[in-house]
């Protein structure tokens, strides 16, 4: 179920079931979201579980803006 809490004048939105959430207006999927109240964003819960940790290579690909299957220098 989608939950919302206020955190320092921001709306914190998350799934209490550990699932990713979908921002309805943009179609972007997040683990959780922190928005200004005026944004008016709405969210739905997906059936995609939030993964606990990324591998080093997954994190590096995100930082470098690479696709998941692109080789890194260490591959």
PDB file of N, CA and C in Angstrom:
ATOM      1  N   UNK A   1       0.841  -1.168   0.000  1.00  0.00           N
ATOM      2  CA  UNK A   1       0.000   0.000   0.000  1.00  0.00           C
ATOM      3  C   UNK A   1       0.899   1.250   0.000  1.00  0.00           C
ATOM      4  N   UNK A   2       0.469   2.262  -0.712  1.00  0.00           N
ATOM      5  CA  UNK A   2       1.195   3.526  -0.756  1.00  0.00           C
ATOM      6  C   UNK A   2       1.003   4.266   0.559  1.00  0.00           C
ATOM      7  N   UNK A   3       2.098   4.779   1.081  1.00  0.00           N
ATOM      8  CA  UNK A   3       2.074   5.574   2.321  1.00  0.00           C
ATOM      9  C   UNK A   3       2.687   6.939   2.044  1.00  0.00           C
ATOM     10  N   UNK A   4       2.228   7.946   2.750  1.00  0.00           N
ATOM     11  CA  UNK A   4       2.837   9.272   2.673  1.00  0.00           C
ATOM     12  C   UNK A   4       3.054   9.806   4.081  1.00  0.00           C
ATOM     13  N   UNK A   5       4.179  10.449   4.276  1.00  0.00           N
ATOM     14  CA  UNK A   5       4.530  11.103   5.533  1.00  0.00           C
ATOM     15  C   UNK A   5       5.086  12.472   5.196  1.00  0.00           C
ATOM     16  N   UNK A   6       4.998  13.390   6.123  1.00  0.00           N
ATOM     17  CA  UNK A   6       5.637  14.698   5.960  1.00  0.00           C
ATOM     18  C   UNK A   6       7.032  14.627   6.564  1.00  0.00           C
ATOM     19  N   UNK A   7       8.017  15.113   5.819  1.00  0.00           N
ATOM     20  CA  UNK A   7       9.404  15.164   6.276  1.00  0.00           C
ATOM     21  C   UNK A   7       9.978  16.530   5.922  1.00  0.00           C
ATOM     22  N   UNK A   8      10.178  17.360   6.926  1.00  0.00           N
ATOM     23  CA  UNK A   8      10.759  18.689   6.710  1.00  0.00           C
ATOM     24  C   UNK A   8      10.084  19.436   5.565  1.00  0.00           C
ATOM     25  N   UNK A   9       8.795  19.601   5.656  1.00  0.00           N
ATOM     26  CA  UNK A   9       8.013  20.336   4.650  1.00  0.00           C
ATOM     27  C   UNK A   9       8.008  19.671   3.280  1.00  0.00           C
ATOM     28  N   UNK A  10       8.277  18.389   3.215  1.00  0.00           N
ATOM     29  CA  UNK A  10       8.221  17.624   1.969  1.00  0.00           C
ATOM     30  C   UNK A  10       7.299  16.418   2.175  1.00  0.00           C
ATOM     31  N   UNK A  11       6.721  15.966   1.085  1.00  0.00           N
ATOM     32  CA  UNK A  11       5.858  14.780   1.135  1.00  0.00           C
ATOM     33  C   UNK A  11       6.709  13.575   0.745  1.00  0.00           C
ATOM     34  N   UNK A  12       6.865  12.640   1.674  1.00  0.00           N
ATOM     35  CA  UNK A  12       7.624  11.412   1.441  1.00  0.00           C
ATOM     36  C   UNK A  12       6.625  10.312   1.106  1.00  0.00           C
ATOM     37  N   UNK A  13       6.787   9.700  -0.071  1.00  0.00           N
ATOM     38  CA  UNK A  13       5.869   8.665  -0.535  1.00  0.00           C
ATOM     39  C   UNK A  13       6.645   7.370  -0.739  1.00  0.00           C
ATOM     40  N   UNK A  14       6.062   6.255  -0.270  1.00  0.00           N
ATOM     41  CA  UNK A  14       6.728   4.964  -0.359  1.00  0.00           C
ATOM     42  C   UNK A  14       5.702   3.836  -0.282  1.00  0.00           C
ATOM     43  N   UNK A  15       6.148   2.636  -0.588  1.00  0.00           N
ATOM     44  CA  UNK A  15       5.313   1.445  -0.477  1.00  0.00           C
ATOM     45  C   UNK A  15       5.636   0.746   0.833  1.00  0.00           C
ATOM     46  N   UNK A  16       4.623   0.448   1.605  1.00  0.00           N
ATOM     47  CA  UNK A  16       4.872  -0.280   2.860  1.00  0.00           C
ATOM     48  C   UNK A  16       5.071  -1.775   2.617  1.00  0.00           C
ATOM     49  N   UNK A  17       4.949  -2.206   1.367  1.00  0.00           N
ATOM     50  CA  UNK A  17       5.156  -3.615   1.019  1.00  0.00           C
ATOM     51  C   UNK A  17       6.521  -3.851   0.378  1.00  0.00           C
ATOM     52  N   UNK A  18       7.355  -2.802   0.321  1.00  0.00           N
ATOM     53  CA  UNK A  18       8.685  -2.958  -0.258  1.00  0.00           C
ATOM     54  C   UNK A  18       8.703  -2.999  -1.778  1.00  0.00           C
ATOM     55  N   UNK A  19       7.681  -2.420  -2.400  1.00  0.00           N
ATOM     56  CA  UNK A  19       7.599  -2.386  -3.856  1.00  0.00           C
ATOM     57  C   UNK A  19       7.968  -0.994  -4.371  1.00  0.00           C
ATOM     58  N   UNK A  20       8.366  -0.937  -5.636  1.00  0.00           N
ATOM     59  CA  UNK A  20       8.634   0.353  -6.259  1.00  0.00           C
ATOM     60  C   UNK A  20       7.309   1.074  -6.475  1.00  0.00           C
ATOM     61  N   UNK A  21       7.383   2.406  -6.604  1.00  0.00           N
ATOM     62  CA  UNK A  21       6.182   3.191  -6.843  1.00  0.00           C
ATOM     63  C   UNK A  21       6.277   3.872  -8.202  1.00  0.00           C
ATOM     64  N   UNK A  22       5.140   4.083  -8.836  1.00  0.00           N
ATOM     65  CA  UNK A  22       5.054   4.705 -10.157  1.00  0.00           C
ATOM     66  C   UNK A  22       4.443   6.091 -10.008  1.00  0.00           C
ATOM     67  N   UNK A  23       5.158   7.111 -10.479  1.00  0.00           N
ATOM     68  CA  UNK A  23       4.603   8.467 -10.497  1.00  0.00           C
ATOM     69  C   UNK A  23       3.656   8.555 -11.689  1.00  0.00           C
ATOM     70  N   UNK A  24       2.388   8.737 -11.402  1.00  0.00           N
ATOM     71  CA  UNK A  24       1.345   8.667 -12.425  1.00  0.00           C
ATOM     72  C   UNK A  24       1.541   9.714 -13.516  1.00  0.00           C
ATOM     73  N   UNK A  25       1.882  10.930 -13.135  1.00  0.00           N
ATOM     74  CA  UNK A  25       1.969  12.017 -14.108  1.00  0.00           C
ATOM     75  C   UNK A  25       3.125  11.868 -15.085  1.00  0.00           C
ATOM     76  N   UNK A  26       4.212  11.224 -14.674  1.00  0.00           N
ATOM     77  CA  UNK A  26       5.397  11.115 -15.534  1.00  0.00           C
ATOM     78  C   UNK A  26       5.671   9.701 -16.032  1.00  0.00           C
ATOM     79  N   UNK A  27       5.115   8.695 -15.359  1.00  0.00           N
ATOM     80  CA  UNK A  27       5.383   7.307 -15.723  1.00  0.00           C
ATOM     81  C   UNK A  27       6.731   6.803 -15.231  1.00  0.00           C
ATOM     82  N   UNK A  28       7.398   7.569 -14.359  1.00  0.00           N
ATOM     83  CA  UNK A  28       8.712   7.180 -13.841  1.00  0.00           C
ATOM     84  C   UNK A  28       8.535   6.336 -12.590  1.00  0.00           C
ATOM     85  N   UNK A  29       9.339   5.271 -12.484  1.00  0.00           N
ATOM     86  CA  UNK A  29       9.276   4.356 -11.348  1.00  0.00           C
ATOM     87  C   UNK A  29      10.392   4.695 -10.362  1.00  0.00           C
ATOM     88  N   UNK A  30      10.044   4.750  -9.092  1.00  0.00           N
ATOM     89  CA  UNK A  30      10.981   5.086  -8.020  1.00  0.00           C
ATOM     90  C   UNK A  30      10.908   4.066  -6.887  1.00  0.00           C
ATOM     91  N   UNK A  31      11.976   4.018  -6.077  1.00  0.00           N
ATOM     92  CA  UNK A  31      11.925   3.254  -4.824  1.00  0.00           C
ATOM     93  C   UNK A  31      11.058   4.001  -3.817  1.00  0.00           C
ATOM     94  N   UNK A  32      11.242   5.309  -3.733  1.00  0.00           N
ATOM     95  CA  UNK A  32      10.456   6.200  -2.896  1.00  0.00           C
ATOM     96  C   UNK A  32      10.562   7.596  -3.490  1.00  0.00           C
ATOM     97  N   UNK A  33       9.784   8.532  -2.973  1.00  0.00           N
ATOM     98  CA  UNK A  33       9.789   9.877  -3.551  1.00  0.00           C
ATOM     99  C   UNK A  33       9.695  10.918  -2.442  1.00  0.00           C
ATOM    100  N   UNK A  34      10.310  12.063  -2.689  1.00  0.00           N
ATOM    101  CA  UNK A  34      10.262  13.198  -1.778  1.00  0.00           C
ATOM    102  C   UNK A  34       9.920  14.425  -2.620  1.00  0.00           C
ATOM    103  N   UNK A  35       8.720  14.962  -2.417  1.00  0.00           N
ATOM    104  CA  UNK A  35       8.208  16.048  -3.252  1.00  0.00           C
ATOM    105  C   UNK A  35       7.783  17.236  -2.397  1.00  0.00           C
ATOM    106  N   UNK A  36       7.772  18.412  -3.020  1.00  0.00           N
ATOM    107  CA  UNK A  36       7.152  19.561  -2.366  1.00  0.00           C
ATOM    108  C   UNK A  36       5.645  19.355  -2.443  1.00  0.00           C
ATOM    109  N   UNK A  37       4.917  19.774  -1.406  1.00  0.00           N
ATOM    110  CA  UNK A  37       3.461  19.531  -1.411  1.00  0.00           C
ATOM    111  C   UNK A  37       2.753  20.120  -2.628  1.00  0.00           C
ATOM    112  N   UNK A  38       3.254  21.232  -3.145  1.00  0.00           N
ATOM    113  CA  UNK A  38       2.602  21.897  -4.273  1.00  0.00           C
ATOM    114  C   UNK A  38       2.722  21.123  -5.584  1.00  0.00           C
ATOM    115  N   UNK A  39       3.581  20.105  -5.614  1.00  0.00           N
ATOM    116  CA  UNK A  39       3.783  19.362  -6.865  1.00  0.00           C
ATOM    117  C   UNK A  39       2.514  18.641  -7.308  1.00  0.00           C
ATOM    118  N   UNK A  40       1.748  18.161  -6.360  1.00  0.00           N
ATOM    119  CA  UNK A  40       0.510  17.476  -6.691  1.00  0.00           C
ATOM    120  C   UNK A  40       0.696  16.098  -7.309  1.00  0.00           C
ATOM    121  N   UNK A  41       1.929  15.554  -7.253  1.00  0.00           N
ATOM    122  CA  UNK A  41       2.180  14.241  -7.840  1.00  0.00           C
ATOM    123  C   UNK A  41       1.386  13.161  -7.123  1.00  0.00           C
ATOM    124  N   UNK A  42       0.951  12.177  -7.892  1.00  0.00           N
ATOM    125  CA  UNK A  42       0.286  11.005  -7.332  1.00  0.00           C
ATOM    126  C   UNK A  42       1.072   9.760  -7.726  1.00  0.00           C
ATOM    127  N   UNK A  43       0.956   8.723  -6.919  1.00  0.00           N
ATOM    128  CA  UNK A  43       1.733   7.500  -7.105  1.00  0.00           C
ATOM    129  C   UNK A  43       0.844   6.281  -6.969  1.00  0.00           C
ATOM    130  N   UNK A  44       1.231   5.219  -7.666  1.00  0.00           N
ATOM    131  CA  UNK A  44       0.614   3.913  -7.484  1.00  0.00           C
ATOM    132  C   UNK A  44       1.731   2.918  -7.190  1.00  0.00           C
ATOM    133  N   UNK A  45       1.364   1.851  -6.521  1.00  0.00           N
ATOM    134  CA  UNK A  45       2.334   0.810  -6.194  1.00  0.00           C
ATOM    135  C   UNK A  45       2.488  -0.142  -7.377  1.00  0.00           C
ATOM    136  N   UNK A  46       3.729  -0.506  -7.683  1.00  0.00           N
ATOM    137  CA  UNK A  46       3.977  -1.476  -8.746  1.00  0.00           C
ATOM    138  C   UNK A  46       4.094  -2.868  -8.138  1.00  0.00           C
ATOM    139  N   UNK A  47       4.325  -3.847  -8.979  1.00  0.00           N
ATOM    140  CA  UNK A  47       4.605  -5.204  -8.495  1.00  0.00           C
ATOM    141  C   UNK A  47       6.102  -5.515  -8.588  1.00  0.00           C
ATOM    142  N   UNK A  48       6.917  -4.463  -8.683  1.00  0.00           N
ATOM    143  CA  UNK A  48       8.374  -4.616  -8.781  1.00  0.00           C
ATOM    144  C   UNK A  48       8.990  -4.450  -7.394  1.00  0.00           C
ATOM    145  N   UNK A  49       9.609  -5.492  -6.864  1.00  0.00           N
ATOM    146  CA  UNK A  49      10.212  -5.352  -5.534  1.00  0.00           C
ATOM    147  C   UNK A  49      11.440  -4.442  -5.569  1.00  0.00           C
ATOM    148  N   UNK A  50      11.647  -3.724  -4.465  1.00  0.00           N
ATOM    149  CA  UNK A  50      12.844  -2.904  -4.315  1.00  0.00           C
ATOM    150  C   UNK A  50      13.993  -3.841  -3.953  1.00  0.00           C
ATOM    151  N   UNK A  51      15.070  -3.766  -4.733  1.00  0.00           N
ATOM    152  CA  UNK A  51      16.246  -4.585  -4.440  1.00  0.00           C
ATOM    153  C   UNK A  51      17.057  -3.891  -3.353  1.00  0.00           C
ATOM    154  N   UNK A  52      17.601  -4.669  -2.436  1.00  0.00           N
ATOM    155  CA  UNK A  52      18.305  -4.103  -1.290  1.00  0.00           C
ATOM    156  C   UNK A  52      19.616  -3.425  -1.665  1.00  0.00           C
ATOM    157  N   UNK A  53      20.405  -4.061  -2.494  1.00  0.00           N
ATOM    158  CA  UNK A  53      21.722  -3.518  -2.799  1.00  0.00           C
ATOM    159  C   UNK A  53      22.057  -3.700  -4.271  1.00  0.00           C
ATOM    160  N   UNK A  54      22.860  -2.789  -4.779  1.00  0.00           N
ATOM    161  CA  UNK A  54      23.396  -2.911  -6.127  1.00  0.00           C
ATOM    162  C   UNK A  54      24.787  -3.508  -6.051  1.00  0.00           C
ATOM    163  N   UNK A  55      25.156  -4.237  -7.073  1.00  0.00           N
ATOM    164  CA  UNK A  55      26.543  -4.688  -7.155  1.00  0.00           C
ATOM    165  C   UNK A  55      27.408  -3.487  -7.503  1.00  0.00           C
ATOM    166  N   UNK A  56      28.705  -3.615  -7.331  1.00  0.00           N
ATOM    167  CA  UNK A  56      29.623  -2.527  -7.669  1.00  0.00           C
ATOM    168  C   UNK A  56      29.490  -2.136  -9.135  1.00  0.00           C
ATOM    169  N   UNK A  57      29.387  -3.127 -10.025  1.00  0.00           N
ATOM    170  CA  UNK A  57      29.304  -2.815 -11.455  1.00  0.00           C
ATOM    171  C   UNK A  57      27.966  -2.159 -11.802  1.00  0.00           C
ATOM    172  N   UNK A  58      26.876  -2.560 -11.139  1.00  0.00           N
ATOM    173  CA  UNK A  58      25.584  -1.909 -11.381  1.00  0.00           C
ATOM    174  C   UNK A  58      25.633  -0.440 -10.951  1.00  0.00           C
ATOM    175  N   UNK A  59      26.224  -0.177  -9.792  1.00  0.00           N
ATOM    176  CA  UNK A  59      26.346   1.196  -9.303  1.00  0.00           C
ATOM    177  C   UNK A  59      27.209   2.026 -10.245  1.00  0.00           C
ATOM    178  N   UNK A  60      28.307   1.459 -10.712  1.00  0.00           N
ATOM    179  CA  UNK A  60      29.192   2.174 -11.627  1.00  0.00           C
ATOM    180  C   UNK A  60      28.468   2.502 -12.932  1.00  0.00           C
ATOM    181  N   UNK A  61      27.695   1.556 -13.455  1.00  0.00           N
ATOM    182  CA  UNK A  61      26.941   1.808 -14.684  1.00  0.00           C
ATOM    183  C   UNK A  61      25.954   2.952 -14.495  1.00  0.00           C
ATOM    184  N   UNK A  62      25.300   3.027 -13.340  1.00  0.00           N
ATOM    185  CA  UNK A  62      24.368   4.114 -13.070  1.00  0.00           C
ATOM    186  C   UNK A  62      25.111   5.444 -13.027  1.00  0.00           C
ATOM    187  N   UNK A  63      26.214   5.480 -12.301  1.00  0.00           N
ATOM    188  CA  UNK A  63      26.994   6.707 -12.173  1.00  0.00           C
ATOM    189  C   UNK A  63      27.516   7.177 -13.530  1.00  0.00           C
ATOM    190  N   UNK A  64      27.965   6.238 -14.346  1.00  0.00           N
ATOM    191  CA  UNK A  64      28.554   6.569 -15.644  1.00  0.00           C
ATOM    192  C   UNK A  64      27.502   6.740 -16.746  1.00  0.00           C
ATOM    193  N   UNK A  65      26.232   6.472 -16.436  1.00  0.00           N
ATOM    194  CA  UNK A  65      25.168   6.632 -17.412  1.00  0.00           C
ATOM    195  C   UNK A  65      25.162   5.563 -18.479  1.00  0.00           C
ATOM    196  N   UNK A  66      25.679   4.380 -18.151  1.00  0.00           N
ATOM    197  CA  UNK A  66      25.733   3.280 -19.120  1.00  0.00           C
ATOM    198  C   UNK A  66      24.555   2.353 -18.965  1.00  0.00           C
ATOM    199  N   UNK A  67      24.237   1.637 -20.032  1.00  0.00           N
ATOM    200  CA  UNK A  67      23.240   0.588 -19.950  1.00  0.00           C
ATOM    201  C   UNK A  67      23.788  -0.540 -19.088  1.00  0.00           C
ATOM    202  N   UNK A  68      22.901  -1.315 -18.517  1.00  0.00           N
ATOM    203  CA  UNK A  68      23.303  -2.390 -17.604  1.00  0.00           C
ATOM    204  C   UNK A  68      24.214  -3.423 -18.251  1.00  0.00           C
ATOM    205  N   UNK A  69      24.050  -3.654 -19.554  1.00  0.00           N
ATOM    206  CA  UNK A  69      24.836  -4.705 -20.201  1.00  0.00           C
ATOM    207  C   UNK A  69      26.090  -4.180 -20.923  1.00  0.00           C
ATOM    208  N   UNK A  70      26.374  -2.886 -20.779  1.00  0.00           N
ATOM    209  CA  UNK A  70      27.619  -2.357 -21.353  1.00  0.00           C
ATOM    210  C   UNK A  70      28.798  -2.815 -20.520  1.00  0.00           C
ATOM    211  N   UNK A  71      29.861  -3.244 -21.155  1.00  0.00           N
ATOM    212  CA  UNK A  71      31.041  -3.682 -20.383  1.00  0.00           C
ATOM    213  C   UNK A  71      31.736  -2.497 -19.718  1.00  0.00           C
ATOM    214  N   UNK A  72      32.331  -2.768 -18.562  1.00  0.00           N
ATOM    215  CA  UNK A  72      33.134  -1.760 -17.892  1.00  0.00           C
ATOM    216  C   UNK A  72      34.594  -2.079 -18.169  1.00  0.00           C
ATOM    217  N   UNK A  73      35.502  -1.188 -17.788  1.00  0.00           N
ATOM    218  CA  UNK A  73      36.932  -1.436 -18.002  1.00  0.00           C
ATOM    219  C   UNK A  73      37.402  -2.691 -17.298  1.00  0.00           C
ATOM    220  N   UNK A  74      36.729  -3.076 -16.207  1.00  0.00           N
ATOM    221  CA  UNK A  74      37.157  -4.246 -15.448  1.00  0.00           C
ATOM    222  C   UNK A  74      36.592  -5.545 -16.006  1.00  0.00           C
ATOM    223  N   UNK A  75      35.697  -5.458 -17.013  1.00  0.00           N
ATOM    224  CA  UNK A  75      35.107  -6.686 -17.597  1.00  0.00           C
ATOM    225  C   UNK A  75      36.018  -7.302 -18.630  1.00  0.00           C
TER     226      UNK A  75
END
